[in-house]
Protein backbone atom coordinates (compact mmCIF):
# COMPACT_ATOMS: atom_id res chain seq x y z
CA MET A 1 -43.36 3.41 -11.27
CA GLY A 2 -40.50 2.56 -8.93
CA LYS A 3 -37.79 5.02 -8.20
CA LYS A 4 -34.78 4.57 -10.47
CA LYS A 5 -31.59 3.51 -8.74
CA THR A 6 -29.24 6.39 -8.14
CA VAL A 7 -25.65 6.06 -9.21
CA VAL A 8 -22.56 8.13 -8.60
CA GLN A 9 -22.15 10.50 -11.52
CA ASP A 10 -18.71 11.93 -10.80
CA ILE A 11 -16.67 8.73 -11.14
CA ASP A 12 -16.66 5.78 -13.50
CA ARG A 13 -14.90 2.51 -12.67
CA THR A 14 -13.84 2.24 -16.30
CA ILE A 15 -11.05 4.72 -15.58
CA TYR A 16 -9.41 1.94 -13.57
CA ASP A 17 -10.37 -0.96 -15.87
CA ILE A 18 -9.29 0.54 -19.19
CA LYS A 19 -6.67 -1.76 -20.70
CA ASP A 20 -3.95 -0.18 -22.79
CA LYS A 21 -2.36 -2.26 -25.52
CA VAL A 22 0.85 -3.73 -24.12
CA ASN A 23 3.57 -1.81 -25.92
CA ALA A 24 6.66 -2.86 -24.01
CA SER A 25 10.17 -2.17 -25.23
CA TYR A 26 11.33 -5.33 -23.48
CA GLN A 27 10.05 -8.11 -21.23
CA VAL A 28 11.47 -11.28 -19.72
CA GLN A 29 9.99 -14.72 -20.20
CA GLU A 30 7.38 -16.07 -17.79
CA GLY A 31 8.69 -17.83 -14.70
CA LEU A 32 11.56 -17.35 -12.27
CA THR A 33 15.07 -18.68 -12.89
CA PRO A 34 18.62 -17.48 -12.14
CA GLU A 35 18.93 -16.58 -15.83
CA ILE A 36 15.87 -14.33 -15.67
CA VAL A 37 17.17 -12.63 -12.51
CA GLU A 38 20.58 -12.10 -14.15
CA GLU A 39 18.83 -10.67 -17.19
CA ILE A 40 16.82 -8.18 -15.08
CA SER A 41 19.97 -7.12 -13.26
CA LYS A 42 21.82 -6.60 -16.54
CA LYS A 43 18.98 -4.60 -18.11
CA LYS A 44 18.86 -2.36 -15.04
CA ASN A 45 22.63 -1.81 -15.01
CA ASP A 46 22.86 -2.90 -11.37
CA PRO A 47 26.08 -2.47 -9.41
CA GLU A 48 27.70 -5.79 -8.58
CA TRP A 49 26.46 -5.82 -4.97
CA MET A 50 22.86 -5.58 -6.18
CA ARG A 51 23.30 -8.37 -8.73
CA GLU A 52 24.64 -10.63 -5.96
CA PHE A 53 21.81 -9.55 -3.65
CA ARG A 54 19.21 -10.53 -6.26
CA LEU A 55 20.70 -13.99 -6.80
CA LYS A 56 21.01 -14.62 -3.06
CA SER A 57 17.35 -13.59 -2.62
CA LEU A 58 16.34 -16.05 -5.32
CA GLU A 59 18.12 -18.84 -3.45
CA ILE A 60 16.21 -17.90 -0.29
CA TYR A 61 12.92 -17.78 -2.23
CA ASN A 62 13.45 -21.28 -3.58
CA ARG A 63 14.11 -22.66 -0.07
CA MET A 64 11.20 -21.00 1.72
CA PRO A 65 7.70 -22.50 1.99
CA MET A 66 4.53 -20.79 0.85
CA PRO A 67 2.69 -18.83 3.59
CA GLN A 68 0.24 -21.04 5.48
CA TRP A 69 -1.51 -18.51 7.72
CA GLY A 70 -3.81 -16.69 5.32
CA PRO A 71 -6.02 -17.05 2.25
CA SER A 72 -5.24 -19.67 -0.37
CA LEU A 73 -2.61 -18.79 -2.99
CA ASP A 74 -3.34 -21.87 -5.12
CA GLY A 75 -4.36 -19.68 -8.06
CA LEU A 76 -0.93 -18.01 -8.19
CA ASP A 77 1.53 -19.86 -10.43
CA MET A 78 4.91 -18.14 -10.61
CA ASN A 79 5.68 -20.09 -13.79
CA GLN A 80 2.96 -17.97 -15.45
CA ILE A 81 4.05 -14.57 -14.08
CA ILE A 82 6.15 -12.11 -16.09
CA THR A 83 8.41 -10.49 -13.52
CA TYR A 84 9.78 -7.60 -15.61
CA ILE A 85 8.15 -5.49 -18.36
CA ARG A 86 9.89 -2.32 -19.47
CA PRO A 87 7.52 0.29 -20.97
CA ASN A 88 8.37 1.99 -24.23
CA THR A 89 9.93 5.09 -22.67
CA PRO A 90 12.78 6.10 -20.38
CA MET A 91 11.94 8.02 -17.23
CA ARG A 92 10.96 11.62 -17.98
CA GLY A 93 11.05 14.76 -15.89
CA ASN A 94 8.68 16.56 -18.26
CA TRP A 95 5.10 15.30 -18.51
CA ALA A 96 4.81 16.37 -22.16
CA GLN A 97 7.58 13.90 -23.11
CA VAL A 98 5.77 10.83 -21.75
CA PRO A 99 4.32 8.71 -24.62
CA ASP A 100 0.65 9.41 -25.30
CA ASP A 101 -0.67 5.94 -24.45
CA ILE A 102 0.93 5.99 -20.98
CA LYS A 103 0.25 9.68 -20.45
CA ASN A 104 -3.45 9.23 -21.24
CA THR A 105 -3.77 6.52 -18.60
CA PHE A 106 -2.32 8.73 -15.87
CA GLU A 107 -4.34 11.71 -17.12
CA ARG A 108 -7.53 9.67 -16.63
CA LEU A 109 -6.38 8.80 -13.10
CA GLY A 110 -5.83 12.48 -12.31
CA ILE A 111 -2.11 12.29 -11.54
CA PRO A 112 -0.86 15.44 -13.34
CA GLN A 113 -3.84 17.47 -12.07
CA ALA A 114 -3.04 16.43 -8.50
CA GLU A 115 0.60 17.36 -9.00
CA ARG A 116 -0.31 20.82 -10.21
CA LYS A 117 -2.76 21.42 -7.37
CA SER A 118 -1.42 19.93 -4.19
CA LEU A 119 1.77 17.88 -4.42
CA ALA A 120 5.42 18.71 -3.87
CA GLY A 121 6.58 15.91 -6.16
CA VAL A 122 5.26 12.95 -8.14
CA GLY A 123 6.57 9.61 -9.32
CA ALA A 124 4.53 7.55 -11.76
CA GLN A 125 5.35 3.89 -12.41
CA TYR A 126 3.91 1.93 -15.34
CA ASP A 127 4.42 -1.84 -15.16
CA SER A 128 8.04 -2.37 -14.06
CA GLU A 129 9.58 1.08 -14.48
CA VAL A 130 9.08 4.65 -13.33
CA VAL A 131 8.11 6.68 -16.42
CA TYR A 132 7.84 10.12 -14.81
CA HIS A 133 9.47 11.71 -11.78
CA ASN A 134 9.52 15.33 -10.76
CA VAL A 135 9.90 17.42 -7.62
CA ARG A 136 9.23 21.11 -7.07
CA GLU A 137 12.28 23.33 -7.13
CA GLU A 138 11.56 24.82 -3.70
CA VAL A 139 11.56 21.30 -2.21
CA ARG A 140 14.78 20.43 -4.01
CA ARG A 141 16.37 23.57 -2.58
CA GLN A 142 15.60 22.26 0.93
CA GLY A 143 17.96 19.38 0.20
CA VAL A 144 15.16 16.82 -0.22
CA ILE A 145 16.02 13.92 -2.51
CA TYR A 146 13.06 12.32 -4.29
CA THR A 147 13.98 10.08 -7.18
CA ASP A 148 13.44 6.61 -8.62
CA MET A 149 15.14 3.70 -6.84
CA GLU A 150 17.36 2.72 -9.79
CA SER A 151 18.89 6.18 -9.99
CA ALA A 152 19.43 6.19 -6.23
CA VAL A 153 21.15 2.78 -6.27
CA ARG A 154 23.68 4.02 -8.85
CA ASP A 155 24.09 7.56 -7.49
CA PRO A 156 27.68 8.25 -6.31
CA VAL A 157 26.41 10.34 -3.37
CA TYR A 158 23.27 8.48 -2.25
CA GLY A 159 24.16 5.01 -3.52
CA PRO A 160 26.07 4.16 -0.29
CA MET A 161 23.07 5.29 1.79
CA VAL A 162 20.79 3.04 -0.27
CA LYS A 163 23.16 0.10 0.10
CA GLU A 164 23.30 0.64 3.87
CA HIS A 165 19.50 0.57 4.23
CA PHE A 166 18.18 -1.53 1.33
CA MET A 167 16.23 -4.55 2.65
CA LYS A 168 17.87 -4.29 6.05
CA LEU A 169 14.56 -3.50 7.73
CA VAL A 170 12.70 -6.10 5.65
CA PRO A 171 15.30 -8.81 4.92
CA PRO A 172 14.70 -11.45 2.22
CA THR A 173 14.49 -14.09 4.96
CA ASP A 174 11.30 -12.49 6.32
CA HIS A 175 8.95 -14.56 4.13
CA LYS A 176 8.85 -16.13 0.67
CA PHE A 177 7.42 -13.16 -1.22
CA VAL A 178 9.89 -10.71 0.32
CA ALA A 179 12.63 -13.00 -1.01
CA LEU A 180 10.91 -12.89 -4.41
CA HIS A 181 10.89 -9.09 -4.18
CA GLY A 182 14.61 -9.04 -3.41
CA ALA A 183 15.29 -11.07 -6.54
CA VAL A 184 13.17 -9.17 -9.09
CA TRP A 185 12.40 -5.73 -7.60
CA SER A 186 12.05 -2.91 -10.10
CA GLY A 187 10.95 0.71 -9.82
CA GLY A 188 9.75 2.52 -6.74
CA SER A 189 10.99 5.65 -5.03
CA PHE A 190 13.85 6.83 -2.84
CA VAL A 191 13.22 9.77 -0.49
CA TYR A 192 15.69 11.45 1.82
CA VAL A 193 14.63 14.41 3.97
CA PRO A 194 17.57 16.12 5.75
CA PRO A 195 17.47 16.89 9.48
CA HIS A 196 15.12 19.70 10.56
CA VAL A 197 13.53 19.95 7.09
CA LYS A 198 9.75 20.00 7.02
CA VAL A 199 8.13 19.27 3.65
CA SER A 200 4.88 21.21 3.88
CA ILE A 201 2.99 19.50 1.03
CA PRO A 202 2.96 15.78 0.20
CA LEU A 203 5.04 13.70 -2.16
CA GLN A 204 3.22 11.00 -4.12
CA SER A 205 4.07 7.84 -6.03
CA TYR A 206 1.46 6.13 -8.20
CA PHE A 207 1.82 2.54 -9.40
CA ARG A 208 -0.09 1.31 -12.45
CA LEU A 209 0.13 -2.32 -13.58
CA ASN A 210 -1.22 -2.60 -17.13
CA ALA A 211 -0.01 -5.91 -18.58
CA PRO A 212 -1.94 -9.18 -18.03
CA GLY A 213 -0.13 -11.97 -16.19
CA ALA A 214 2.54 -9.58 -14.93
CA GLY A 215 4.00 -8.81 -11.52
CA GLN A 216 4.92 -5.45 -10.03
CA PHE A 217 7.71 -5.33 -7.46
CA GLU A 218 8.46 -1.69 -6.68
CA HIS A 219 10.67 -0.77 -3.72
CA THR A 220 10.08 2.36 -1.66
CA LEU A 221 12.82 3.55 0.70
CA ILE A 222 12.23 6.68 2.80
CA ILE A 223 14.81 8.07 5.24
CA LEU A 224 13.98 11.03 7.48
CA GLY A 225 16.67 12.92 9.39
CA GLU A 226 16.21 14.19 12.94
CA GLU A 227 13.16 16.47 13.39
CA ALA A 228 12.23 16.12 9.71
CA ASP A 229 8.58 16.00 8.63
CA LEU A 230 6.99 14.39 5.55
CA HIS A 231 3.65 13.16 4.22
CA PHE A 232 4.06 10.51 1.51
CA ILE A 233 1.09 9.25 -0.54
CA GLU A 234 0.97 5.96 -2.43
CA GLY A 235 -1.70 5.09 -4.98
CA CYS A 236 -2.14 1.81 -6.88
CA SER A 237 -4.48 0.49 -9.57
CA ALA A 238 -4.71 -2.06 -12.39
CA PRO A 239 -7.28 -3.14 -15.00
CA LYS A 240 -9.05 -6.46 -14.58
CA TYR A 241 -7.96 -9.52 -16.57
CA ASN A 242 -8.97 -13.18 -16.45
CA VAL A 243 -5.44 -14.24 -15.48
CA ALA A 244 -3.62 -13.73 -12.20
CA ASN A 245 -1.49 -10.65 -11.61
CA LEU A 246 0.89 -10.25 -8.69
CA HIS A 247 1.91 -7.27 -6.59
CA ALA A 248 4.78 -7.93 -4.15
CA GLY A 249 6.19 -4.50 -3.36
CA CYS A 250 8.23 -3.52 -0.33
CA VAL A 251 8.27 -0.32 1.74
CA GLU A 252 11.03 0.54 4.23
CA LEU A 253 10.67 3.66 6.37
CA TYR A 254 13.36 5.07 8.67
CA VAL A 255 12.14 7.76 11.06
CA ALA A 256 14.92 9.46 13.04
CA LYS A 257 14.81 11.16 16.44
CA ASN A 258 11.79 13.51 16.81
CA ALA A 259 10.91 13.12 13.11
CA HIS A 260 7.35 12.66 11.83
CA LEU A 261 6.21 10.61 8.82
CA ARG A 262 2.69 10.05 7.57
CA TYR A 263 2.33 7.29 4.96
CA SER A 264 -1.06 7.22 3.19
CA THR A 265 -2.15 4.50 0.78
CA ILE A 266 -5.21 3.81 -1.35
CA GLU A 267 -4.86 0.41 -3.06
CA ASN A 268 -7.45 -0.10 -5.78
CA TRP A 269 -6.11 -3.21 -7.47
CA SER A 270 -8.23 -5.24 -9.90
CA LYS A 271 -9.96 -8.34 -8.59
CA ASN A 272 -7.58 -10.74 -10.29
CA MET A 273 -4.64 -9.37 -8.29
CA TYR A 274 -2.69 -11.19 -5.59
CA ASN A 275 -1.51 -8.35 -3.35
CA LEU A 276 1.35 -9.60 -1.17
CA ASN A 277 2.88 -6.33 -0.05
CA THR A 278 5.28 -5.80 2.88
CA LYS A 279 5.69 -2.48 4.71
CA ARG A 280 7.82 -1.69 7.76
CA ALA A 281 8.95 1.37 9.73
CA LEU A 282 11.75 1.85 12.26
CA VAL A 283 11.11 4.75 14.63
CA GLU A 284 13.79 6.33 16.81
CA GLU A 285 13.44 8.34 20.04
CA GLY A 286 10.51 10.76 20.01
CA GLY A 287 9.67 9.93 16.39
CA THR A 288 6.20 9.27 14.99
CA ILE A 289 4.93 7.07 12.17
CA GLU A 290 1.32 7.42 11.03
CA TRP A 291 -0.18 4.89 8.61
CA VAL A 292 -3.41 5.61 6.75
CA SER A 293 -4.51 2.69 4.60
CA GLY A 294 -7.44 1.93 2.31
CA SER A 295 -7.58 -1.53 0.69
CA PHE A 296 -10.02 -1.99 -2.18
CA GLY A 297 -9.85 -4.53 -4.96
CA SER A 298 -7.48 -7.50 -5.32
CA HIS A 299 -8.56 -11.13 -5.27
CA VAL A 300 -6.35 -11.95 -2.29
CA SER A 301 -4.42 -9.59 0.00
CA TYR A 302 -1.80 -10.17 2.67
CA LEU A 303 -1.01 -6.73 4.10
CA TYR A 304 0.19 -5.96 7.65
CA PRO A 305 2.26 -2.75 7.92
CA MET A 306 4.69 -3.12 10.82
CA SER A 307 6.23 -0.50 13.11
CA ILE A 308 9.26 -1.05 15.33
CA LEU A 309 9.28 1.55 18.11
CA LYS A 310 13.00 1.47 18.82
CA GLY A 311 13.44 4.78 20.65
CA GLU A 312 11.96 5.98 23.94
CA ASN A 313 8.73 8.00 23.55
CA SER A 314 8.31 6.98 19.92
CA ARG A 315 4.76 6.63 18.58
CA MET A 316 2.78 4.73 15.97
CA GLU A 317 -0.76 5.28 14.75
CA PHE A 318 -2.50 3.08 12.21
CA THR A 319 -5.87 3.90 10.64
CA GLY A 320 -7.16 1.52 7.98
CA ILE A 321 -10.20 0.30 6.10
CA THR A 322 -10.72 -2.82 3.98
CA PHE A 323 -13.65 -3.50 1.64
CA ALA A 324 -14.15 -7.07 0.34
CA GLY A 325 -16.79 -7.95 -2.25
CA LYS A 326 -17.62 -11.03 -4.27
CA GLY A 327 -14.62 -13.29 -4.88
CA GLN A 328 -12.32 -11.37 -2.54
CA ASN A 329 -10.44 -12.63 0.51
CA LEU A 330 -8.55 -9.76 2.13
CA ASP A 331 -6.30 -10.58 5.08
CA THR A 332 -5.07 -7.28 6.48
CA GLY A 333 -4.06 -5.62 9.73
CA ALA A 334 -1.04 -4.12 11.46
CA LYS A 335 1.91 -5.10 13.63
CA VAL A 336 3.89 -3.17 16.22
CA VAL A 337 6.90 -3.95 18.38
CA HIS A 338 7.45 -1.81 21.48
CA ALA A 339 11.21 -2.06 21.98
CA ALA A 340 11.76 0.97 24.23
CA PRO A 341 10.15 2.54 27.32
CA HIS A 342 7.19 4.92 27.18
CA THR A 343 6.28 4.13 23.58
CA TYR A 344 2.72 4.43 22.29
CA SER A 345 0.70 2.66 19.60
CA ASN A 346 -2.88 3.05 18.45
CA ILE A 347 -4.44 0.73 15.83
CA ASN A 348 -7.90 1.59 14.54
CA THR A 349 -9.27 -0.51 11.67
CA LYS A 350 -12.59 -0.99 9.93
CA SER A 351 -13.67 -3.65 7.46
CA ILE A 352 -16.71 -4.04 5.23
CA SER A 353 -17.72 -7.25 3.49
CA LYS A 354 -20.55 -7.97 1.05
CA ASP A 355 -21.65 -10.49 -1.61
CA GLY A 356 -19.71 -13.32 0.03
CA GLY A 357 -16.50 -11.35 0.47
CA ALA A 358 -14.20 -12.25 3.37
CA CYS A 359 -12.27 -9.81 5.58
CA THR A 360 -9.77 -10.99 8.17
CA TYR A 361 -8.24 -8.55 10.62
CA ARG A 362 -4.90 -9.82 11.90
CA SER A 363 -2.76 -7.86 14.35
CA SER A 364 0.33 -8.36 16.48
CA VAL A 365 1.34 -6.21 19.45
CA VAL A 366 4.66 -7.18 21.04
CA ILE A 367 5.95 -5.39 24.14
CA LEU A 368 9.51 -6.37 25.02
CA PRO A 369 10.80 -6.72 28.63
CA GLN A 370 12.67 -3.41 28.58
CA ALA A 371 9.68 -1.49 27.16
CA TYR A 372 8.11 -0.45 30.48
CA GLY A 373 5.53 2.32 30.70
CA CYS A 374 4.13 1.59 27.22
CA ARG A 375 0.56 2.15 26.07
CA SER A 376 -1.17 0.31 23.24
CA SER A 377 -4.78 0.43 22.06
CA VAL A 378 -6.28 -1.81 19.37
CA ASN A 379 -9.79 -1.27 18.01
CA CYS A 380 -11.30 -3.15 15.08
CA GLU A 381 -14.85 -2.85 13.74
CA SER A 382 -16.41 -5.03 11.06
CA LEU A 383 -19.59 -4.47 9.07
CA MET A 384 -21.19 -7.33 7.12
CA LEU A 385 -23.81 -6.36 4.56
CA ASP A 386 -25.41 -9.79 4.04
CA ASP A 387 -25.50 -13.34 5.39
CA ARG A 388 -23.06 -14.68 2.77
CA SER A 389 -20.07 -12.57 3.82
CA ARG A 390 -17.49 -13.27 6.49
CA SER A 391 -15.43 -11.26 8.95
CA ASP A 392 -12.77 -12.66 11.31
CA THR A 393 -10.62 -10.98 13.93
CA ILE A 394 -7.29 -12.55 14.98
CA PRO A 395 -5.49 -10.27 17.46
CA VAL A 396 -2.23 -11.41 19.05
CA MET A 397 -0.72 -9.67 22.06
CA ASP A 398 2.68 -10.70 23.41
CA ILE A 399 3.31 -8.66 26.57
CA ARG A 400 6.60 -9.35 28.35
CA ASN A 401 6.45 -6.92 31.28
CA ASP A 402 3.66 -5.88 33.63
CA ASN A 403 4.21 -2.12 33.66
CA VAL A 404 2.09 -1.41 30.57
CA ASP A 405 -1.41 -0.29 29.59
CA VAL A 406 -2.85 -2.39 26.76
CA GLY A 407 -6.43 -2.57 25.48
CA HIS A 408 -8.26 -4.36 22.68
CA GLU A 409 -11.82 -3.92 21.46
CA ALA A 410 -13.57 -5.67 18.57
CA LYS A 411 -17.07 -5.15 17.15
CA ILE A 412 -18.82 -7.09 14.41
CA GLY A 413 -22.29 -6.20 13.18
CA ARG A 414 -24.72 -5.57 10.36
CA ILE A 415 -26.62 -2.55 9.13
CA SER A 416 -29.63 -1.89 11.34
CA ASP A 417 -33.01 -2.38 9.64
CA GLY A 418 -34.26 0.48 11.80
CA ALA A 419 -31.64 2.85 10.42
CA ILE A 420 -32.53 1.83 6.85
CA PHE A 421 -36.24 2.35 7.53
CA TYR A 422 -35.62 5.78 9.05
CA LEU A 423 -33.61 7.01 6.08
CA MET A 424 -36.13 5.60 3.59
CA SER A 425 -38.91 7.39 5.49
CA ARG A 426 -36.97 10.58 4.73
CA GLY A 427 -37.20 9.93 1.01
CA MET A 428 -34.00 7.96 0.32
CA SER A 429 -33.90 4.77 -1.71
CA GLU A 430 -32.79 1.63 0.10
CA GLU A 431 -29.57 1.59 -1.91
CA ASP A 432 -28.78 5.21 -1.06
CA ALA A 433 -29.58 4.59 2.60
CA ARG A 434 -27.18 1.65 2.79
CA SER A 435 -24.51 3.60 0.93
CA MET A 436 -24.83 6.53 3.35
CA ILE A 437 -24.49 4.27 6.40
CA VAL A 438 -21.42 2.52 4.97
CA THR A 439 -19.81 5.83 4.02
CA GLY A 440 -20.42 7.09 7.56
CA PHE A 441 -18.84 3.92 8.95
CA ALA A 442 -15.72 4.64 6.86
CA GLU A 443 -15.64 8.38 7.66
CA PRO A 444 -12.96 8.18 10.40
CA VAL A 445 -10.55 6.84 7.77
CA ALA A 446 -11.63 9.22 5.01
CA LYS A 447 -11.03 12.28 7.18
CA GLU A 448 -7.39 11.24 7.64
CA LEU A 449 -6.75 11.20 3.87
CA PRO A 450 -5.90 14.12 1.59
CA VAL A 451 -9.15 15.47 0.19
CA GLU A 452 -8.68 14.03 -3.32
CA TYR A 453 -8.08 10.54 -1.91
CA ALA A 454 -10.97 10.84 0.54
CA VAL A 455 -13.30 11.64 -2.37
CA GLU A 456 -11.87 8.69 -4.33
CA MET A 457 -12.34 6.34 -1.37
CA ASN A 458 -15.94 7.40 -0.80
CA ASN A 459 -16.72 7.02 -4.49
CA LEU A 460 -15.16 3.56 -4.52
CA ILE A 461 -17.38 2.58 -1.59
CA LYS A 462 -20.46 3.89 -3.39
CA LEU A 463 -19.52 2.01 -6.53
CA GLU A 464 -19.00 -1.19 -4.55
CA MET A 465 -22.43 -0.64 -2.98
CA GLU A 466 -24.28 -0.48 -6.30
CA GLY A 467 -26.43 -3.55 -6.55
CA ALA A 468 -25.59 -4.65 -3.00
CA ILE A 469 -29.24 -5.05 -1.96
CA GLY A 470 -30.72 -8.52 -1.67
């Protein structure tokens, strides 16, 4: 009798795929018109400058062409997307006050447990609105502001700071789906860490898209003062439907002189999701931005976090992994602009493809004429688990002075039959042997994540590997 396939016992994908009954208090019609944008702005009680910003962004969206450089977006019809769904609760600061149906979803995902154990603050967004936001009192006493974006926009103290920075780093003219974001954004988080303040434990925002045929357009704005330090964690998930969903969020990060920001993400979208997210950081003198990124799920992804090293001796590190299975085309990577002398960047990515999945690594390293003495290293490794899958590497390097040190290395391969045979000779099943090798391949990324997210990532890889033989 053959050995029974082993499965992971401590996680069940159904926690991500459970569909709650849509119980919205309000939603707009499908499609995208000036009337819908006006309606969203009115419902959110926007200040006049934001209402005008939304309408201007819509005009830009209507003028701009669809992206032509990546996977096909033919299956995405904006006339079928609901851009705003308000859940049946206002934002709460007490978990017990969140409605049971929403609370149960986040309980299954482990959000309140993580908050109790290891987080300084948590924001939880459900469809288009933040339903829960809280920050520890000791962090609040440090002067740290961590709140939802809508509250920050209207705040008499921090509203001017938001207006000064909002979509200045990622303007609506950047590409079509950033313009869409500017028109219909909703939810997200605003973080301000004062100069010299070091937040010793992470803040986290979790985004859950529940409704079929809906879009999620959260905006995250983080501003660090000089010599401040923060680790921010972002988690995302959605249940699977047989209609297209859209995620077009935006992240803007401002890292001041000698400040340090780590931004960690695990994106576990459903495989009917179009993930067209835009993330960008501006780093001043001596500052550091660290990106840690895991991309799982989604039907199509366009995701290239960008860092602008504006100040001398500023640094950027990017560590990422992408896993594409059947029916997935994930176009991911990173971008960096060296705009000052003696700046440093290191990009280290890994991709895994199986069952006909396609991974494309796309990077851009730009070193401007004044950025002498810079160093940049790019390393990308791809692992294909069968002969039906695809992996492409498209690095671009634009070097405009000759006093730099730049390197690029790319590796593409398959699992060694010899390694499989060795592990099976030690008593492992073929499936377990493959899973162990893939988990080891991903280990450099996992070790950079908080322990709970590293466990989640490894379990997601094991679940993706089930049935991968043949």
